[in-house]
């Protein structure tokens, strides 16, 4: 994944369980969330996504961006 390839901030330690986002990752994550939101809303508003396609889309996003402990 692109966000993991950006690396950790130099001032963090490996001891903490929570991941600290660096200055590249935080805006990337924000804008990706905006794109996902716009994609889902456009699918609803244009009525192009049937229920089966919509559930596949959510499954796709859940598999790509789901909480995996990162």
N, C-alpha and C. Protein backbone atom coordinates (compact mmCIF):
# COMPACT_ATOMS: atom_id res chain seq x y z
N UNK A 1 0.83 -1.17 0.00
CA UNK A 1 0.00 0.00 0.00
C UNK A 1 0.88 1.24 0.00
N UNK A 2 0.40 2.26 -0.64
CA UNK A 2 1.18 3.49 -0.79
C UNK A 2 1.43 4.19 0.54
N UNK A 3 0.45 4.15 1.42
CA UNK A 3 0.61 4.89 2.68
C UNK A 3 1.67 4.26 3.57
N UNK A 4 1.85 2.95 3.50
CA UNK A 4 2.87 2.30 4.31
C UNK A 4 4.26 2.51 3.74
N UNK A 5 4.36 2.76 2.45
CA UNK A 5 5.66 2.98 1.82
C UNK A 5 6.23 4.36 2.14
N UNK A 6 5.44 5.24 2.70
CA UNK A 6 5.91 6.59 3.00
C UNK A 6 6.80 6.65 4.23
N UNK A 7 6.80 5.64 5.05
CA UNK A 7 7.71 5.58 6.19
C UNK A 7 7.18 6.23 7.45
N UNK A 8 7.92 5.98 8.54
CA UNK A 8 7.57 6.52 9.85
C UNK A 8 8.28 7.84 10.07
N UNK A 9 7.71 8.71 10.89
CA UNK A 9 8.45 9.91 11.28
C UNK A 9 9.69 9.52 12.08
N UNK A 10 10.75 10.27 11.94
CA UNK A 10 12.01 9.93 12.59
C UNK A 10 11.95 10.04 14.11
N UNK A 11 11.07 10.83 14.64
CA UNK A 11 11.03 11.07 16.08
C UNK A 11 10.20 10.04 16.83
N UNK A 12 9.63 9.04 16.16
CA UNK A 12 8.82 8.03 16.85
C UNK A 12 9.66 6.83 17.24
N UNK A 13 9.16 6.06 18.18
CA UNK A 13 9.84 4.84 18.60
C UNK A 13 8.98 3.65 18.21
N UNK A 14 9.56 2.47 18.25
CA UNK A 14 8.83 1.25 17.91
C UNK A 14 8.04 0.71 19.10
N UNK A 15 8.14 1.35 20.26
CA UNK A 15 7.50 0.85 21.47
C UNK A 15 5.99 1.08 21.44
N UNK A 16 5.55 2.20 20.90
CA UNK A 16 4.12 2.51 20.95
C UNK A 16 3.32 1.60 20.03
N UNK A 17 2.11 1.26 20.47
CA UNK A 17 1.23 0.40 19.68
C UNK A 17 0.47 1.19 18.63
N UNK A 18 0.29 2.48 18.86
CA UNK A 18 -0.44 3.32 17.91
C UNK A 18 0.51 3.89 16.89
N UNK A 19 0.07 3.94 15.66
CA UNK A 19 0.90 4.48 14.59
C UNK A 19 0.72 5.99 14.49
N UNK A 20 1.82 6.69 14.37
CA UNK A 20 1.80 8.13 14.21
C UNK A 20 1.97 8.43 12.73
N UNK A 21 1.05 9.21 12.17
CA UNK A 21 1.12 9.55 10.75
C UNK A 21 2.10 10.69 10.55
N UNK A 22 2.95 10.57 9.52
CA UNK A 22 3.87 11.67 9.24
C UNK A 22 3.18 12.71 8.37
N UNK A 23 3.91 13.74 7.96
CA UNK A 23 3.30 14.86 7.24
C UNK A 23 2.90 14.50 5.82
N UNK A 24 3.37 13.40 5.28
CA UNK A 24 2.93 12.94 3.97
C UNK A 24 1.69 12.05 4.08
N UNK A 25 1.64 11.23 5.10
CA UNK A 25 0.57 10.25 5.23
C UNK A 25 -0.76 10.86 5.65
N UNK A 26 -0.73 11.85 6.52
CA UNK A 26 -1.98 12.44 7.01
C UNK A 26 -2.79 13.09 5.88
N UNK A 27 -2.19 13.95 5.04
CA UNK A 27 -3.00 14.51 3.94
C UNK A 27 -3.41 13.47 2.91
N UNK A 28 -2.54 12.48 2.67
CA UNK A 28 -2.87 11.41 1.73
C UNK A 28 -4.10 10.66 2.22
N UNK A 29 -4.13 10.33 3.49
CA UNK A 29 -5.27 9.61 4.06
C UNK A 29 -6.54 10.45 4.01
N UNK A 30 -6.42 11.75 4.28
CA UNK A 30 -7.57 12.65 4.24
C UNK A 30 -8.16 12.72 2.84
N UNK A 31 -7.33 12.90 1.81
CA UNK A 31 -7.84 13.03 0.45
C UNK A 31 -8.35 11.71 -0.11
N UNK A 32 -7.76 10.59 0.28
CA UNK A 32 -8.29 9.29 -0.13
C UNK A 32 -9.67 9.07 0.48
N UNK A 33 -9.84 9.47 1.73
CA UNK A 33 -11.16 9.35 2.36
C UNK A 33 -12.19 10.20 1.62
N UNK A 34 -11.78 11.38 1.18
CA UNK A 34 -12.68 12.24 0.40
C UNK A 34 -13.06 11.62 -0.93
N UNK A 35 -12.09 10.99 -1.59
CA UNK A 35 -12.38 10.32 -2.86
C UNK A 35 -13.33 9.15 -2.67
N UNK A 36 -13.13 8.37 -1.62
CA UNK A 36 -14.02 7.24 -1.35
C UNK A 36 -15.43 7.73 -1.05
N UNK A 37 -15.53 8.79 -0.27
CA UNK A 37 -16.84 9.38 0.04
C UNK A 37 -17.53 9.85 -1.24
N UNK A 38 -16.80 10.56 -2.09
CA UNK A 38 -17.39 11.06 -3.34
C UNK A 38 -17.81 9.91 -4.25
N UNK A 39 -17.04 8.84 -4.27
CA UNK A 39 -17.37 7.69 -5.11
C UNK A 39 -18.66 7.03 -4.65
N UNK A 40 -18.80 6.84 -3.35
CA UNK A 40 -20.00 6.20 -2.82
C UNK A 40 -21.22 7.10 -3.02
N UNK A 41 -21.08 8.38 -2.74
CA UNK A 41 -22.20 9.31 -2.91
C UNK A 41 -22.62 9.40 -4.37
N UNK A 42 -21.65 9.45 -5.29
CA UNK A 42 -22.01 9.52 -6.71
C UNK A 42 -22.70 8.24 -7.16
N UNK A 43 -22.31 7.11 -6.60
CA UNK A 43 -22.99 5.86 -6.92
C UNK A 43 -24.44 5.88 -6.50
N UNK A 44 -24.71 6.45 -5.33
CA UNK A 44 -26.10 6.57 -4.88
C UNK A 44 -26.88 7.58 -5.70
N UNK A 45 -26.29 8.74 -5.94
CA UNK A 45 -27.04 9.81 -6.59
C UNK A 45 -27.29 9.54 -8.07
N UNK A 46 -26.38 8.87 -8.73
CA UNK A 46 -26.57 8.58 -10.15
C UNK A 46 -27.37 7.30 -10.38
N UNK A 47 -27.62 6.57 -9.32
CA UNK A 47 -28.39 5.32 -9.38
C UNK A 47 -27.78 4.31 -10.35
N UNK A 48 -26.48 4.37 -10.52
CA UNK A 48 -25.81 3.41 -11.39
C UNK A 48 -25.38 2.17 -10.62
N UNK A 49 -25.32 2.29 -9.32
CA UNK A 49 -24.87 1.16 -8.52
C UNK A 49 -26.08 0.40 -8.00
N UNK A 50 -26.28 -0.78 -8.51
CA UNK A 50 -27.34 -1.64 -8.00
C UNK A 50 -26.90 -2.17 -6.65
N UNK A 51 -27.79 -2.81 -5.92
CA UNK A 51 -27.44 -3.28 -4.59
C UNK A 51 -26.31 -4.29 -4.62
N UNK A 52 -26.27 -5.16 -5.59
CA UNK A 52 -25.19 -6.14 -5.67
C UNK A 52 -23.86 -5.46 -5.97
N UNK A 53 -23.87 -4.52 -6.90
CA UNK A 53 -22.64 -3.81 -7.23
C UNK A 53 -22.19 -2.96 -6.06
N UNK A 54 -23.12 -2.36 -5.35
CA UNK A 54 -22.78 -1.53 -4.22
C UNK A 54 -22.17 -2.35 -3.10
N UNK A 55 -22.72 -3.52 -2.83
CA UNK A 55 -22.15 -4.36 -1.79
C UNK A 55 -20.77 -4.85 -2.18
N UNK A 56 -20.56 -5.14 -3.47
CA UNK A 56 -19.21 -5.52 -3.92
C UNK A 56 -18.24 -4.37 -3.76
N UNK A 57 -18.71 -3.15 -4.00
CA UNK A 57 -17.84 -1.97 -3.86
C UNK A 57 -17.44 -1.80 -2.40
N UNK A 58 -18.40 -1.94 -1.48
CA UNK A 58 -18.07 -1.82 -0.07
C UNK A 58 -17.12 -2.93 0.36
N UNK A 59 -17.32 -4.15 -0.13
CA UNK A 59 -16.41 -5.25 0.19
C UNK A 59 -15.01 -4.96 -0.35
N UNK A 60 -14.94 -4.39 -1.55
CA UNK A 60 -13.65 -4.03 -2.13
C UNK A 60 -12.94 -3.00 -1.25
N UNK A 61 -13.66 -1.95 -0.84
CA UNK A 61 -13.04 -0.92 -0.02
C UNK A 61 -12.68 -1.45 1.36
N UNK A 62 -13.52 -2.30 1.92
CA UNK A 62 -13.22 -2.86 3.22
C UNK A 62 -11.95 -3.71 3.15
N UNK A 63 -11.78 -4.46 2.06
CA UNK A 63 -10.58 -5.27 1.91
C UNK A 63 -9.33 -4.43 1.68
N UNK A 64 -9.48 -3.30 0.99
CA UNK A 64 -8.33 -2.45 0.70
C UNK A 64 -7.96 -1.54 1.86
N UNK A 65 -8.98 -0.94 2.49
CA UNK A 65 -8.72 0.09 3.48
C UNK A 65 -9.29 -0.24 4.84
N UNK A 66 -9.60 -1.50 5.09
CA UNK A 66 -10.16 -1.88 6.38
C UNK A 66 -9.13 -1.76 7.49
N UNK A 67 -9.60 -1.78 8.68
CA UNK A 67 -8.70 -1.67 9.83
C UNK A 67 -7.92 -2.97 9.97
N UNK A 68 -6.63 -2.89 9.71
CA UNK A 68 -5.78 -4.08 9.79
C UNK A 68 -4.73 -3.91 10.88
N UNK A 69 -4.99 -3.06 11.84
CA UNK A 69 -4.03 -2.84 12.91
C UNK A 69 -2.93 -1.88 12.53
N UNK A 70 -3.08 -1.19 11.41
CA UNK A 70 -2.04 -0.26 10.97
C UNK A 70 -2.43 1.13 11.36
